[in-house]
Amino acid sequence: MIARLWHGWTAPEDSDAYERFLRDTVFPGAADRIPGFRGGSVLRRAGDEVEFLVVTLFDSLESVRAFAGDDYELPVIEPEAERLLTRGDERAAHYDIVVAPERVR
């Protein structure tokens, strides 16, 4: 499995809207149209700008390419997200997941 990590920042007044957009539009849309997309997580940290770390999970690099294109390190930013973001990483980072959390009883 591959984890794709990307940071983006919003103004504080746009942070709730960006979080909703990811949760309600981006993740469900990717699940519907990208084979091998396995969901993800959004981490949020407040400051003068609000930082988001978006971690998406894919079965393989081929699945990542289906999402992001051949130059798969380029960020995929929807027009609505672009309106809400003040800046973001120029490249996404990709990691092989070698140890994952185990279910706690």
PDB file of N, CA and C in Angstrom:
ATOM      1  N   MET A   1       0.845  -1.172   0.000  1.00  0.00           N
ATOM      2  CA  MET A   1       0.000   0.000   0.000  1.00  0.00           C
ATOM      3  C   MET A   1       0.892   1.237   0.000  1.00  0.00           C
ATOM      4  N   ILE A   2       0.409   2.295  -0.637  1.00  0.00           N
ATOM      5  CA  ILE A   2       1.145   3.555  -0.761  1.00  0.00           C
ATOM      6  C   ILE A   2       0.393   4.654  -0.017  1.00  0.00           C
ATOM      7  N   ALA A   3       1.118   5.438   0.773  1.00  0.00           N
ATOM      8  CA  ALA A   3       0.576   6.638   1.412  1.00  0.00           C
ATOM      9  C   ALA A   3       1.100   7.846   0.656  1.00  0.00           C
ATOM     10  N   ARG A   4       0.197   8.721   0.275  1.00  0.00           N
ATOM     11  CA  ARG A   4       0.530   9.971  -0.427  1.00  0.00           C
ATOM     12  C   ARG A   4       0.311  11.107   0.574  1.00  0.00           C
ATOM     13  N   LEU A   5       1.357  11.918   0.826  1.00  0.00           N
ATOM     14  CA  LEU A   5       1.268  13.006   1.794  1.00  0.00           C
ATOM     15  C   LEU A   5       1.432  14.341   1.097  1.00  0.00           C
ATOM     16  N   TRP A   6       0.558  15.279   1.462  1.00  0.00           N
ATOM     17  CA  TRP A   6       0.601  16.615   0.884  1.00  0.00           C
ATOM     18  C   TRP A   6       0.128  17.613   1.931  1.00  0.00           C
ATOM     19  N   HIS A   7       0.848  18.741   2.036  1.00  0.00           N
ATOM     20  CA  HIS A   7       0.477  19.822   2.957  1.00  0.00           C
ATOM     21  C   HIS A   7      -0.158  20.971   2.195  1.00  0.00           C
ATOM     22  N   GLY A   8      -1.206  21.528   2.781  1.00  0.00           N
ATOM     23  CA  GLY A   8      -1.804  22.753   2.277  1.00  0.00           C
ATOM     24  C   GLY A   8      -2.156  23.649   3.452  1.00  0.00           C
ATOM     25  N   TRP A   9      -2.244  24.949   3.196  1.00  0.00           N
ATOM     26  CA  TRP A   9      -2.540  25.914   4.248  1.00  0.00           C
ATOM     27  C   TRP A   9      -3.711  26.792   3.817  1.00  0.00           C
ATOM     28  N   THR A  10      -4.540  27.157   4.787  1.00  0.00           N
ATOM     29  CA  THR A  10      -5.652  28.070   4.552  1.00  0.00           C
ATOM     30  C   THR A  10      -5.587  29.215   5.554  1.00  0.00           C
ATOM     31  N   ALA A  11      -6.310  30.271   5.241  1.00  0.00           N
ATOM     32  CA  ALA A  11      -6.564  31.297   6.246  1.00  0.00           C
ATOM     33  C   ALA A  11      -7.506  30.685   7.284  1.00  0.00           C
ATOM     34  N   PRO A  12      -7.414  31.118   8.546  1.00  0.00           N
ATOM     35  CA  PRO A  12      -8.280  30.528   9.580  1.00  0.00           C
ATOM     36  C   PRO A  12      -9.765  30.552   9.207  1.00  0.00           C
ATOM     37  N   GLU A  13     -10.213  31.616   8.574  1.00  0.00           N
ATOM     38  CA  GLU A  13     -11.641  31.720   8.248  1.00  0.00           C
ATOM     39  C   GLU A  13     -12.073  30.763   7.129  1.00  0.00           C
ATOM     40  N   ASP A  14     -11.132  30.192   6.403  1.00  0.00           N
ATOM     41  CA  ASP A  14     -11.451  29.225   5.341  1.00  0.00           C
ATOM     42  C   ASP A  14     -11.206  27.779   5.737  1.00  0.00           C
ATOM     43  N   SER A  15     -10.681  27.560   6.941  1.00  0.00           N
ATOM     44  CA  SER A  15     -10.248  26.218   7.327  1.00  0.00           C
ATOM     45  C   SER A  15     -11.408  25.230   7.455  1.00  0.00           C
ATOM     46  N   ASP A  16     -12.518  25.634   8.051  1.00  0.00           N
ATOM     47  CA  ASP A  16     -13.651  24.713   8.181  1.00  0.00           C
ATOM     48  C   ASP A  16     -14.211  24.332   6.815  1.00  0.00           C
ATOM     49  N   ALA A  17     -14.272  25.289   5.902  1.00  0.00           N
ATOM     50  CA  ALA A  17     -14.780  25.008   4.555  1.00  0.00           C
ATOM     51  C   ALA A  17     -13.852  24.045   3.819  1.00  0.00           C
ATOM     52  N   TYR A  18     -12.550  24.207   3.969  1.00  0.00           N
ATOM     53  CA  TYR A  18     -11.611  23.308   3.304  1.00  0.00           C
ATOM     54  C   TYR A  18     -11.728  21.899   3.886  1.00  0.00           C
ATOM     55  N   GLU A  19     -11.826  21.798   5.192  1.00  0.00           N
ATOM     56  CA  GLU A  19     -11.990  20.490   5.820  1.00  0.00           C
ATOM     57  C   GLU A  19     -13.260  19.803   5.320  1.00  0.00           C
ATOM     58  N   ARG A  20     -14.367  20.526   5.272  1.00  0.00           N
ATOM     59  CA  ARG A  20     -15.624  19.960   4.761  1.00  0.00           C
ATOM     60  C   ARG A  20     -15.488  19.521   3.310  1.00  0.00           C
ATOM     61  N   PHE A  21     -14.816  20.336   2.498  1.00  0.00           N
ATOM     62  CA  PHE A  21     -14.633  20.003   1.092  1.00  0.00           C
ATOM     63  C   PHE A  21     -13.872  18.684   0.932  1.00  0.00           C
ATOM     64  N   LEU A  22     -12.814  18.508   1.697  1.00  0.00           N
ATOM     65  CA  LEU A  22     -12.074  17.250   1.637  1.00  0.00           C
ATOM     66  C   LEU A  22     -12.950  16.074   2.067  1.00  0.00           C
ATOM     67  N   ARG A  23     -13.607  16.228   3.202  1.00  0.00           N
ATOM     68  CA  ARG A  23     -14.396  15.134   3.781  1.00  0.00           C
ATOM     69  C   ARG A  23     -15.617  14.796   2.929  1.00  0.00           C
ATOM     70  N   ASP A  24     -16.329  15.807   2.452  1.00  0.00           N
ATOM     71  CA  ASP A  24     -17.624  15.580   1.814  1.00  0.00           C
ATOM     72  C   ASP A  24     -17.559  15.456   0.294  1.00  0.00           C
ATOM     73  N   THR A  25     -16.486  15.964  -0.328  1.00  0.00           N
ATOM     74  CA  THR A  25     -16.417  15.962  -1.788  1.00  0.00           C
ATOM     75  C   THR A  25     -15.219  15.186  -2.316  1.00  0.00           C
ATOM     76  N   VAL A  26     -14.021  15.546  -1.882  1.00  0.00           N
ATOM     77  CA  VAL A  26     -12.815  14.962  -2.468  1.00  0.00           C
ATOM     78  C   VAL A  26     -12.707  13.473  -2.170  1.00  0.00           C
ATOM     79  N   PHE A  27     -12.777  13.088  -0.902  1.00  0.00           N
ATOM     80  CA  PHE A  27     -12.600  11.671  -0.563  1.00  0.00           C
ATOM     81  C   PHE A  27     -13.706  10.803  -1.161  1.00  0.00           C
ATOM     82  N   PRO A  28     -14.991  11.172  -1.014  1.00  0.00           N
ATOM     83  CA  PRO A  28     -16.022  10.329  -1.633  1.00  0.00           C
ATOM     84  C   PRO A  28     -15.897  10.268  -3.156  1.00  0.00           C
ATOM     85  N   GLY A  29     -15.532  11.375  -3.795  1.00  0.00           N
ATOM     86  CA  GLY A  29     -15.375  11.385  -5.245  1.00  0.00           C
ATOM     87  C   GLY A  29     -14.248  10.488  -5.706  1.00  0.00           C
ATOM     88  N   ALA A  30     -13.138  10.502  -4.975  1.00  0.00           N
ATOM     89  CA  ALA A  30     -12.011   9.639  -5.329  1.00  0.00           C
ATOM     90  C   ALA A  30     -12.393   8.176  -5.139  1.00  0.00           C
ATOM     91  N   ALA A  31     -13.136   7.883  -4.087  1.00  0.00           N
ATOM     92  CA  ALA A  31     -13.552   6.501  -3.839  1.00  0.00           C
ATOM     93  C   ALA A  31     -14.431   5.989  -4.972  1.00  0.00           C
ATOM     94  N   ASP A  32     -15.235   6.863  -5.552  1.00  0.00           N
ATOM     95  CA  ASP A  32     -16.144   6.467  -6.638  1.00  0.00           C
ATOM     96  C   ASP A  32     -15.430   6.281  -7.968  1.00  0.00           C
ATOM     97  N   ARG A  33     -14.348   7.037  -8.215  1.00  0.00           N
ATOM     98  CA  ARG A  33     -13.779   7.042  -9.567  1.00  0.00           C
ATOM     99  C   ARG A  33     -12.356   6.519  -9.702  1.00  0.00           C
ATOM    100  N   ILE A  34     -11.653   6.275  -8.603  1.00  0.00           N
ATOM    101  CA  ILE A  34     -10.251   5.854  -8.678  1.00  0.00           C
ATOM    102  C   ILE A  34     -10.112   4.424  -8.159  1.00  0.00           C
ATOM    103  N   PRO A  35      -9.871   3.462  -9.054  1.00  0.00           N
ATOM    104  CA  PRO A  35      -9.615   2.097  -8.573  1.00  0.00           C
ATOM    105  C   PRO A  35      -8.348   2.074  -7.720  1.00  0.00           C
ATOM    106  N   GLY A  36      -8.429   1.401  -6.593  1.00  0.00           N
ATOM    107  CA  GLY A  36      -7.265   1.299  -5.717  1.00  0.00           C
ATOM    108  C   GLY A  36      -7.152   2.410  -4.689  1.00  0.00           C
ATOM    109  N   PHE A  37      -8.074   3.381  -4.697  1.00  0.00           N
ATOM    110  CA  PHE A  37      -8.086   4.418  -3.651  1.00  0.00           C
ATOM    111  C   PHE A  37      -8.676   3.796  -2.398  1.00  0.00           C
ATOM    112  N   ARG A  38      -7.992   3.912  -1.284  1.00  0.00           N
ATOM    113  CA  ARG A  38      -8.408   3.269  -0.036  1.00  0.00           C
ATOM    114  C   ARG A  38      -8.739   4.253   1.075  1.00  0.00           C
ATOM    115  N   GLY A  39      -9.005   5.510   0.724  1.00  0.00           N
ATOM    116  CA  GLY A  39      -9.374   6.490   1.740  1.00  0.00           C
ATOM    117  C   GLY A  39      -8.161   7.260   2.221  1.00  0.00           C
ATOM    118  N   GLY A  40      -8.314   7.849   3.379  1.00  0.00           N
ATOM    119  CA  GLY A  40      -7.210   8.626   3.904  1.00  0.00           C
ATOM    120  C   GLY A  40      -7.588   9.349   5.169  1.00  0.00           C
ATOM    121  N   SER A  41      -6.714  10.230   5.572  1.00  0.00           N
ATOM    122  CA  SER A  41      -6.888  11.023   6.785  1.00  0.00           C
ATOM    123  C   SER A  41      -6.499  12.460   6.497  1.00  0.00           C
ATOM    124  N   VAL A  42      -7.078  13.358   7.291  1.00  0.00           N
ATOM    125  CA  VAL A  42      -6.726  14.770   7.209  1.00  0.00           C
ATOM    126  C   VAL A  42      -6.331  15.204   8.612  1.00  0.00           C
ATOM    127  N   LEU A  43      -5.113  15.729   8.733  1.00  0.00           N
ATOM    128  CA  LEU A  43      -4.622  16.248  10.008  1.00  0.00           C
ATOM    129  C   LEU A  43      -4.615  17.764   9.910  1.00  0.00           C
ATOM    130  N   ARG A  44      -4.946  18.420  11.003  1.00  0.00           N
ATOM    131  CA  ARG A  44      -5.119  19.872  10.998  1.00  0.00           C
ATOM    132  C   ARG A  44      -4.366  20.473  12.177  1.00  0.00           C
ATOM    133  N   ARG A  45      -3.667  21.597  11.896  1.00  0.00           N
ATOM    134  CA  ARG A  45      -2.943  22.299  12.959  1.00  0.00           C
ATOM    135  C   ARG A  45      -3.178  23.789  12.807  1.00  0.00           C
ATOM    136  N   ALA A  46      -3.651  24.423  13.888  1.00  0.00           N
ATOM    137  CA  ALA A  46      -3.981  25.847  13.863  1.00  0.00           C
ATOM    138  C   ALA A  46      -2.742  26.698  14.104  1.00  0.00           C
ATOM    139  N   GLY A  47      -2.758  27.881  13.524  1.00  0.00           N
ATOM    140  CA  GLY A  47      -1.717  28.874  13.691  1.00  0.00           C
ATOM    141  C   GLY A  47      -2.165  30.134  12.978  1.00  0.00           C
ATOM    142  N   ASP A  48      -1.222  30.993  12.593  1.00  0.00           N
ATOM    143  CA  ASP A  48      -1.585  32.177  11.813  1.00  0.00           C
ATOM    144  C   ASP A  48      -2.279  31.760  10.525  1.00  0.00           C
ATOM    145  N   GLU A  49      -1.805  30.642   9.953  1.00  0.00           N
ATOM    146  CA  GLU A  49      -2.505  29.934   8.893  1.00  0.00           C
ATOM    147  C   GLU A  49      -2.866  28.572   9.482  1.00  0.00           C
ATOM    148  N   VAL A  50      -3.859  27.920   8.892  1.00  0.00           N
ATOM    149  CA  VAL A  50      -4.200  26.576   9.344  1.00  0.00           C
ATOM    150  C   VAL A  50      -3.551  25.593   8.386  1.00  0.00           C
ATOM    151  N   GLU A  51      -2.724  24.710   8.941  1.00  0.00           N
ATOM    152  CA  GLU A  51      -2.011  23.717   8.147  1.00  0.00           C
ATOM    153  C   GLU A  51      -2.816  22.425   8.094  1.00  0.00           C
ATOM    154  N   PHE A  52      -2.895  21.850   6.908  1.00  0.00           N
ATOM    155  CA  PHE A  52      -3.529  20.552   6.716  1.00  0.00           C
ATOM    156  C   PHE A  52      -2.493  19.589   6.147  1.00  0.00           C
ATOM    157  N   LEU A  53      -2.438  18.412   6.708  1.00  0.00           N
ATOM    158  CA  LEU A  53      -1.661  17.327   6.127  1.00  0.00           C
ATOM    159  C   LEU A  53      -2.683  16.316   5.625  1.00  0.00           C
ATOM    160  N   VAL A  54      -2.716  16.119   4.325  1.00  0.00           N
ATOM    161  CA  VAL A  54      -3.660  15.198   3.706  1.00  0.00           C
ATOM    162  C   VAL A  54      -2.897  13.915   3.376  1.00  0.00           C
ATOM    163  N   VAL A  55      -3.348  12.809   3.958  1.00  0.00           N
ATOM    164  CA  VAL A  55      -2.734  11.506   3.748  1.00  0.00           C
ATOM    165  C   VAL A  55      -3.760  10.636   3.039  1.00  0.00           C
ATOM    166  N   THR A  56      -3.464  10.286   1.792  1.00  0.00           N
ATOM    167  CA  THR A  56      -4.361   9.412   1.047  1.00  0.00           C
ATOM    168  C   THR A  56      -3.677   8.078   0.830  1.00  0.00           C
ATOM    169  N   LEU A  57      -4.479   7.035   0.776  1.00  0.00           N
ATOM    170  CA  LEU A  57      -3.969   5.670   0.684  1.00  0.00           C
ATOM    171  C   LEU A  57      -4.390   5.031  -0.634  1.00  0.00           C
ATOM    172  N   PHE A  58      -3.445   4.346  -1.259  1.00  0.00           N
ATOM    173  CA  PHE A  58      -3.676   3.704  -2.550  1.00  0.00           C
ATOM    174  C   PHE A  58      -3.075   2.307  -2.527  1.00  0.00           C
ATOM    175  N   ASP A  59      -3.641   1.416  -3.340  1.00  0.00           N
ATOM    176  CA  ASP A  59      -3.120   0.058  -3.441  1.00  0.00           C
ATOM    177  C   ASP A  59      -1.715   0.016  -4.022  1.00  0.00           C
ATOM    178  N   SER A  60      -1.420   0.921  -4.976  1.00  0.00           N
ATOM    179  CA  SER A  60      -0.160   0.841  -5.718  1.00  0.00           C
ATOM    180  C   SER A  60       0.150   2.190  -6.359  1.00  0.00           C
ATOM    181  N   LEU A  61       1.357   2.318  -6.908  1.00  0.00           N
ATOM    182  CA  LEU A  61       1.687   3.532  -7.660  1.00  0.00           C
ATOM    183  C   LEU A  61       0.818   3.660  -8.903  1.00  0.00           C
ATOM    184  N   GLU A  62       0.381   2.555  -9.477  1.00  0.00           N
ATOM    185  CA  GLU A  62      -0.531   2.624 -10.618  1.00  0.00           C
ATOM    186  C   GLU A  62      -1.840   3.286 -10.205  1.00  0.00           C
ATOM    187  N   SER A  63      -2.310   2.998  -9.002  1.00  0.00           N
ATOM    188  CA  SER A  63      -3.518   3.650  -8.482  1.00  0.00           C
ATOM    189  C   SER A  63      -3.279   5.137  -8.252  1.00  0.00           C
ATOM    190  N   VAL A  64      -2.092   5.486  -7.750  1.00  0.00           N
ATOM    191  CA  VAL A  64      -1.744   6.896  -7.564  1.00  0.00           C
ATOM    192  C   VAL A  64      -1.751   7.600  -8.926  1.00  0.00           C
ATOM    193  N   ARG A  65      -1.179   6.976  -9.930  1.00  0.00           N
ATOM    194  CA  ARG A  65      -1.165   7.567 -11.279  1.00  0.00           C
ATOM    195  C   ARG A  65      -2.580   7.741 -11.829  1.00  0.00           C
ATOM    196  N   ALA A  66      -3.476   6.820 -11.522  1.00  0.00           N
ATOM    197  CA  ALA A  66      -4.872   6.963 -11.957  1.00  0.00           C
ATOM    198  C   ALA A  66      -5.498   8.203 -11.331  1.00  0.00           C
ATOM    199  N   PHE A  67      -5.055   8.556 -10.148  1.00  0.00           N
ATOM    200  CA  PHE A  67      -5.545   9.747  -9.446  1.00  0.00           C
ATOM    201  C   PHE A  67      -4.844  11.012  -9.921  1.00  0.00           C
ATOM    202  N   ALA A  68      -3.511  10.964 -10.031  1.00  0.00           N
ATOM    203  CA  ALA A  68      -2.719  12.180 -10.204  1.00  0.00           C
ATOM    204  C   ALA A  68      -2.096  12.344 -11.588  1.00  0.00           C
ATOM    205  N   GLY A  69      -2.099  11.301 -12.409  1.00  0.00           N
ATOM    206  CA  GLY A  69      -1.463  11.390 -13.718  1.00  0.00           C
ATOM    207  C   GLY A  69      -0.052  10.830 -13.697  1.00  0.00           C
ATOM    208  N   ASP A  70       0.584  10.867 -14.855  1.00  0.00           N
ATOM    209  CA  ASP A  70       1.919  10.286 -14.986  1.00  0.00           C
ATOM    210  C   ASP A  70       2.950  10.951 -14.082  1.00  0.00           C
ATOM    211  N   ASP A  71       2.892  12.282 -13.965  1.00  0.00           N
ATOM    212  CA  ASP A  71       3.779  12.993 -13.037  1.00  0.00           C
ATOM    213  C   ASP A  71       3.082  13.014 -11.677  1.00  0.00           C
ATOM    214  N   TYR A  72       3.018  11.850 -11.052  1.00  0.00           N
ATOM    215  CA  TYR A  72       2.140  11.630  -9.900  1.00  0.00           C
ATOM    216  C   TYR A  72       2.544  12.394  -8.646  1.00  0.00           C
ATOM    217  N   GLU A  73       3.709  13.013  -8.626  1.00  0.00           N
ATOM    218  CA  GLU A  73       4.084  13.819  -7.464  1.00  0.00           C
ATOM    219  C   GLU A  73       3.452  15.209  -7.493  1.00  0.00           C
ATOM    220  N   LEU A  74       2.929  15.625  -8.645  1.00  0.00           N
ATOM    221  CA  LEU A  74       2.249  16.917  -8.705  1.00  0.00           C
ATOM    222  C   LEU A  74       0.977  16.865  -7.867  1.00  0.00           C
ATOM    223  N   PRO A  75       0.668  17.929  -7.133  1.00  0.00           N
ATOM    224  CA  PRO A  75      -0.563  17.930  -6.347  1.00  0.00           C
ATOM    225  C   PRO A  75      -1.794  17.970  -7.258  1.00  0.00           C
ATOM    226  N   VAL A  76      -2.866  17.391  -6.763  1.00  0.00           N
ATOM    227  CA  VAL A  76      -4.159  17.443  -7.437  1.00  0.00           C
ATOM    228  C   VAL A  76      -5.017  18.395  -6.615  1.00  0.00           C
ATOM    229  N   ILE A  77      -5.297  19.564  -7.184  1.00  0.00           N
ATOM    230  CA  ILE A  77      -6.025  20.596  -6.434  1.00  0.00           C
ATOM    231  C   ILE A  77      -7.253  20.995  -7.231  1.00  0.00           C
ATOM    232  N   GLU A  78      -8.414  20.674  -6.696  1.00  0.00           N
ATOM    233  CA  GLU A  78      -9.686  21.032  -7.328  1.00  0.00           C
ATOM    234  C   GLU A  78      -9.867  22.555  -7.270  1.00  0.00           C
ATOM    235  N   PRO A  79     -10.628  23.123  -8.208  1.00  0.00           N
ATOM    236  CA  PRO A  79     -10.833  24.581  -8.213  1.00  0.00           C
ATOM    237  C   PRO A  79     -11.375  25.122  -6.886  1.00  0.00           C
ATOM    238  N   GLU A  80     -12.288  24.410  -6.252  1.00  0.00           N
ATOM    239  CA  GLU A  80     -12.823  24.865  -4.963  1.00  0.00           C
ATOM    240  C   GLU A  80     -11.735  24.903  -3.905  1.00  0.00           C
ATOM    241  N   ALA A  81     -10.869  23.900  -3.894  1.00  0.00           N
ATOM    242  CA  ALA A  81      -9.761  23.877  -2.938  1.00  0.00           C
ATOM    243  C   ALA A  81      -8.786  25.008  -3.225  1.00  0.00           C
ATOM    244  N   GLU A  82      -8.509  25.240  -4.491  1.00  0.00           N
ATOM    245  CA  GLU A  82      -7.588  26.316  -4.872  1.00  0.00           C
ATOM    246  C   GLU A  82      -8.086  27.669  -4.358  1.00  0.00           C
ATOM    247  N   ARG A  83      -9.395  27.844  -4.366  1.00  0.00           N
ATOM    248  CA  ARG A  83      -9.989  29.089  -3.863  1.00  0.00           C
ATOM    249  C   ARG A  83      -9.770  29.235  -2.357  1.00  0.00           C
ATOM    250  N   LEU A  84      -9.756  28.117  -1.631  1.00  0.00           N
ATOM    251  CA  LEU A  84      -9.651  28.149  -0.174  1.00  0.00           C
ATOM    252  C   LEU A  84      -8.215  28.127   0.341  1.00  0.00           C
ATOM    253  N   LEU A  85      -7.296  27.589  -0.431  1.00  0.00           N
ATOM    254  CA  LEU A  85      -5.917  27.455   0.016  1.00  0.00           C
ATOM    255  C   LEU A  85      -5.120  28.740  -0.193  1.00  0.00           C
ATOM    256  N   THR A  86      -4.230  29.020   0.750  1.00  0.00           N
ATOM    257  CA  THR A  86      -3.296  30.135   0.566  1.00  0.00           C
ATOM    258  C   THR A  86      -2.011  29.657  -0.093  1.00  0.00           C
ATOM    259  N   ARG A  87      -1.657  28.378   0.137  1.00  0.00           N
ATOM    260  CA  ARG A  87      -0.466  27.791  -0.470  1.00  0.00           C
ATOM    261  C   ARG A  87      -0.482  26.296  -0.210  1.00  0.00           C
ATOM    262  N   GLY A  88       0.458  25.599  -0.858  1.00  0.00           N
ATOM    263  CA  GLY A  88       0.569  24.163  -0.655  1.00  0.00           C
ATOM    264  C   GLY A  88       1.911  23.666  -1.153  1.00  0.00           C
ATOM    265  N   ASP A  89       2.231  22.439  -0.768  1.00  0.00           N
ATOM    266  CA  ASP A  89       3.465  21.817  -1.244  1.00  0.00           C
ATOM    267  C   ASP A  89       3.454  21.760  -2.772  1.00  0.00           C
ATOM    268  N   GLU A  90       4.623  21.946  -3.372  1.00  0.00           N
ATOM    269  CA  GLU A  90       4.740  21.845  -4.825  1.00  0.00           C
ATOM    270  C   GLU A  90       4.727  20.399  -5.294  1.00  0.00           C
ATOM    271  N   ARG A  91       5.065  19.464  -4.413  1.00  0.00           N
ATOM    272  CA  ARG A  91       5.089  18.044  -4.758  1.00  0.00           C
ATOM    273  C   ARG A  91       4.482  17.250  -3.597  1.00  0.00           C
ATOM    274  N   ALA A  92       3.840  16.171  -3.924  1.00  0.00           N
ATOM    275  CA  ALA A  92       3.367  15.227  -2.915  1.00  0.00           C
ATOM    276  C   ALA A  92       4.462  14.184  -2.695  1.00  0.00           C
ATOM    277  N   ALA A  93       4.537  13.667  -1.492  1.00  0.00           N
ATOM    278  CA  ALA A  93       5.501  12.613  -1.161  1.00  0.00           C
ATOM    279  C   ALA A  93       4.757  11.283  -1.071  1.00  0.00           C
ATOM    280  N   HIS A  94       5.442  10.221  -1.457  1.00  0.00           N
ATOM    281  CA  HIS A  94       4.835   8.897  -1.466  1.00  0.00           C
ATOM    282  C   HIS A  94       5.696   7.929  -0.662  1.00  0.00           C
ATOM    283  N   TYR A  95       5.032   7.119   0.158  1.00  0.00           N
ATOM    284  CA  TYR A  95       5.719   6.178   1.030  1.00  0.00           C
ATOM    285  C   TYR A  95       5.070   4.802   0.921  1.00  0.00           C
ATOM    286  N   ASP A  96       5.893   3.768   0.925  1.00  0.00           N
ATOM    287  CA  ASP A  96       5.381   2.414   1.075  1.00  0.00           C
ATOM    288  C   ASP A  96       4.995   2.230   2.534  1.00  0.00           C
ATOM    289  N   ILE A  97       3.825   1.713   2.783  1.00  0.00           N
ATOM    290  CA  ILE A  97       3.407   1.421   4.158  1.00  0.00           C
ATOM    291  C   ILE A  97       3.939   0.042   4.511  1.00  0.00           C
ATOM    292  N   VAL A  98       4.831   0.010   5.492  1.00  0.00           N
ATOM    293  CA  VAL A  98       5.450  -1.260   5.867  1.00  0.00           C
ATOM    294  C   VAL A  98       4.956  -1.786   7.227  1.00  0.00           C
ATOM    295  N   VAL A  99       4.451  -0.892   8.058  1.00  0.00           N
ATOM    296  CA  VAL A  99       3.826  -1.284   9.317  1.00  0.00           C
ATOM    297  C   VAL A  99       2.583  -0.424   9.465  1.00  0.00           C
ATOM    298  N   ALA A 100       1.453  -1.044   9.741  1.00  0.00           N
ATOM    299  CA  ALA A 100       0.196  -0.313   9.903  1.00  0.00           C
ATOM    300  C   ALA A 100      -0.377  -0.620  11.275  1.00  0.00           C
ATOM    301  N   PRO A 101      -1.229   0.268  11.795  1.00  0.00           N
ATOM    302  CA  PRO A 101      -1.823  -0.006  13.112  1.00  0.00           C
ATOM    303  C   PRO A 101      -2.626  -1.299  13.079  1.00  0.00           C
ATOM    304  N   GLU A 102      -2.554  -2.010  14.163  1.00  0.00           N
ATOM    305  CA  GLU A 102      -3.357  -3.205  14.319  1.00  0.00           C
ATOM    306  C   GLU A 102      -4.618  -2.844  15.086  1.00  0.00           C
ATOM    307  N   ARG A 103      -5.654  -3.553  14.823  1.00  0.00           N
ATOM    308  CA  ARG A 103      -6.923  -3.294  15.496  1.00  0.00           C
ATOM    309  C   ARG A 103      -6.773  -3.598  16.990  1.00  0.00           C
ATOM    310  N   VAL A 104      -7.221  -2.682  17.832  1.00  0.00           N
ATOM    311  CA  VAL A 104      -7.174  -2.854  19.294  1.00  0.00           C
ATOM    312  C   VAL A 104      -8.474  -3.504  19.729  1.00  0.00           C
ATOM    313  N   ARG A 105      -8.365  -4.474  20.597  1.00  0.00           N
ATOM    314  CA  ARG A 105      -9.583  -5.163  21.078  1.00  0.00           C
ATOM    315  C   ARG A 105     -10.259  -4.394  22.152  1.00  0.00           C
TER     316      ARG A 105
END
